[in-house]
Amino acid sequence: MKLRDLVLYAVFLSMFILPGGCGKKAPPFLPKAKETFPLQVEGLEAREQQGELSLSGTVILPRDRRGKAPVPQSCRVYHVRYAADNPPCDGCPISFATYKEMKPHIAGDGRFQCDTGLKKVPGMYYFMVRLVDPGGLAGPPSNTATLLVK
């Protein structure tokens, strides 16, 4: 058998063998997103208390079929401070580059409170909170709370 015949034979065989080994033929799809923790802080407000900054809001407590509400392990408090005379414009996106993970206080009626551990420094503060389940899964972000400290 000549080399040319051998190459043609290999190409002919590959046309029948290789297409069958490519896997399931289907249109492309995006993989499913990871589940999220269902709890979210609503109506987040920031205030100054005794020289420290604290947050409060409301957590809607959905119940499962057994009547139990999921319990957050911790919360991520995203924060950023701008100079009081140079805050971002209204509607401008705010980059929350850092966060602190801490234990929140959630009352039975859903009232959320959390001390940020941040000391009072003059400026414009922006906060956002995400509740975290025991497995480390973060819930949806809260609204953005602002606080002007003079």
Protein backbone atom coordinates (compact mmCIF):
# COMPACT_ATOMS: atom_id res chain seq x y z
CA MET A 1 0.00 0.00 0.00
CA LYS A 2 1.34 3.37 -0.94
CA LEU A 3 1.66 6.23 1.49
CA ARG A 4 -0.96 8.20 -0.43
CA ASP A 5 -3.48 5.37 -0.15
CA LEU A 6 -2.76 5.02 3.56
CA VAL A 7 -3.38 8.74 4.16
CA LEU A 8 -6.63 8.63 2.16
CA TYR A 9 -7.76 5.57 4.11
CA ALA A 10 -7.00 7.32 7.45
CA VAL A 11 -8.89 10.46 6.38
CA PHE A 12 -11.85 8.37 5.21
CA LEU A 13 -12.00 6.48 8.54
CA SER A 14 -11.66 9.65 10.59
CA MET A 15 -14.73 11.10 8.86
CA PHE A 16 -16.85 8.30 10.35
CA ILE A 17 -15.18 7.73 13.72
CA LEU A 18 -14.40 11.25 15.01
CA PRO A 19 -17.83 12.92 14.60
CA GLY A 20 -19.47 10.26 16.77
CA GLY A 21 -17.03 10.88 19.63
CA CYS A 22 -17.69 14.59 20.14
CA GLY A 23 -20.42 14.23 22.75
CA LYS A 24 -24.05 15.23 22.80
CA LYS A 25 -25.10 17.59 20.06
CA ALA A 26 -27.14 20.46 21.51
CA PRO A 27 -27.35 24.21 21.29
CA PRO A 28 -25.02 26.10 23.65
CA PHE A 29 -26.37 27.15 27.05
CA LEU A 30 -25.21 29.03 30.12
CA PRO A 31 -24.58 26.94 33.22
CA LYS A 32 -27.04 27.38 36.07
CA ALA A 33 -26.08 30.09 38.51
CA LYS A 34 -25.26 29.14 42.07
CA GLU A 35 -28.14 29.32 44.47
CA THR A 36 -28.39 32.39 46.61
CA PHE A 37 -29.35 32.77 50.22
CA PRO A 38 -32.94 34.11 50.19
CA LEU A 39 -32.68 36.62 53.04
CA GLN A 40 -32.16 40.29 52.22
CA VAL A 41 -32.00 43.46 54.29
CA GLU A 42 -34.57 46.02 53.18
CA GLY A 43 -34.75 49.68 54.13
CA LEU A 44 -31.11 49.83 55.22
CA GLU A 45 -30.30 52.99 57.18
CA ALA A 46 -27.00 54.21 58.59
CA ARG A 47 -26.63 56.38 61.69
CA GLU A 48 -24.03 57.61 64.10
CA GLN A 49 -24.25 56.43 67.72
CA GLN A 50 -21.73 57.41 70.41
CA GLY A 51 -18.94 58.02 67.91
CA GLU A 52 -19.48 54.75 65.97
CA LEU A 53 -21.47 54.03 62.83
CA SER A 54 -24.32 51.51 62.96
CA LEU A 55 -26.81 50.08 60.50
CA SER A 56 -30.45 49.09 60.83
CA GLY A 57 -33.15 47.75 58.57
CA THR A 58 -35.68 44.98 58.14
CA VAL A 59 -35.21 41.35 57.12
CA ILE A 60 -38.16 39.59 55.53
CA LEU A 61 -38.14 36.11 57.03
CA PRO A 62 -39.55 33.61 54.50
CA ARG A 63 -40.63 30.34 56.06
CA ASP A 64 -40.16 26.89 54.56
CA ARG A 65 -42.78 24.12 54.59
CA ARG A 66 -41.91 23.22 58.18
CA GLY A 67 -42.41 26.82 59.31
CA LYS A 68 -38.72 27.47 59.89
CA ALA A 69 -36.96 30.60 58.69
CA PRO A 70 -33.36 30.40 57.40
CA VAL A 71 -30.87 31.88 59.83
CA PRO A 72 -27.94 33.99 58.63
CA GLN A 73 -24.54 33.09 60.03
CA SER A 74 -23.10 36.55 59.45
CA CYS A 75 -23.42 39.60 57.26
CA ARG A 76 -21.04 41.34 54.90
CA VAL A 77 -21.02 45.08 55.39
CA TYR A 78 -19.66 46.74 52.27
CA HIS A 79 -18.53 50.30 52.89
CA VAL A 80 -16.75 53.20 51.26
CA ARG A 81 -16.03 56.74 52.43
CA TYR A 82 -15.66 59.83 50.25
CA ALA A 83 -14.61 63.33 51.22
CA ALA A 84 -17.65 65.33 52.33
CA ASP A 85 -16.94 68.01 49.73
CA ASN A 86 -16.47 65.52 46.86
CA PRO A 87 -19.11 62.73 47.01
CA PRO A 88 -20.12 60.82 43.87
CA CYS A 89 -23.01 62.25 41.87
CA ASP A 90 -26.57 61.00 42.37
CA GLY A 91 -27.08 57.88 40.28
CA CYS A 92 -23.35 57.28 39.79
CA PRO A 93 -22.24 53.71 40.52
CA ILE A 94 -20.46 53.23 43.83
CA SER A 95 -17.57 50.80 43.99
CA PHE A 96 -17.72 48.81 47.22
CA ALA A 97 -14.16 47.48 47.21
CA THR A 98 -13.98 46.36 50.84
CA TYR A 99 -16.27 44.65 53.30
CA LYS A 100 -16.25 43.44 56.87
CA GLU A 101 -17.87 40.17 57.82
CA MET A 102 -19.60 40.41 61.18
CA LYS A 103 -22.39 38.98 63.30
CA PRO A 104 -25.71 40.85 62.91
CA HIS A 105 -28.49 41.09 65.45
CA ILE A 106 -31.84 40.05 63.97
CA ALA A 107 -34.87 40.21 66.25
CA GLY A 108 -37.78 37.79 65.94
CA ASP A 109 -39.86 40.36 64.09
CA GLY A 110 -37.12 40.85 61.46
CA ARG A 111 -35.47 44.02 62.76
CA PHE A 112 -31.83 44.08 61.63
CA GLN A 113 -29.09 45.88 63.54
CA CYS A 114 -25.34 45.81 63.08
CA ASP A 115 -22.49 47.87 64.48
CA THR A 116 -19.97 48.47 61.70
CA GLY A 117 -16.95 48.88 63.98
CA LEU A 118 -16.03 52.00 61.99
CA LYS A 119 -15.06 55.04 64.00
CA LYS A 120 -16.49 58.47 63.29
CA VAL A 121 -14.33 60.16 60.63
CA PRO A 122 -15.69 63.14 58.67
CA GLY A 123 -16.91 62.27 55.18
CA MET A 124 -19.77 60.78 53.17
CA TYR A 125 -20.26 57.07 53.90
CA TYR A 126 -22.02 54.53 51.69
CA PHE A 127 -23.08 51.11 53.00
CA MET A 128 -24.55 47.94 51.54
CA VAL A 129 -25.26 44.64 53.37
CA ARG A 130 -25.50 41.01 52.24
CA LEU A 131 -26.58 38.28 54.67
CA VAL A 132 -24.54 35.06 54.61
CA ASP A 133 -25.78 31.54 55.41
CA PRO A 134 -23.77 28.96 57.41
CA GLY A 135 -22.35 27.53 54.16
CA GLY A 136 -20.89 30.90 53.13
CA LEU A 137 -23.52 31.62 50.47
CA ALA A 138 -24.32 35.36 50.28
CA GLY A 139 -27.83 36.68 49.77
CA PRO A 140 -28.92 39.54 47.53
CA PRO A 141 -27.55 43.02 48.25
CA SER A 142 -29.52 45.52 50.28
CA ASN A 143 -30.25 49.06 49.19
CA THR A 144 -27.41 51.57 49.57
CA ALA A 145 -27.49 53.63 52.76
CA THR A 146 -25.69 56.97 52.99
CA LEU A 147 -24.51 58.91 56.00
CA LEU A 148 -22.84 62.31 56.14
CA VAL A 149 -20.48 62.58 59.12
CA LYS A 150 -19.26 66.07 59.98
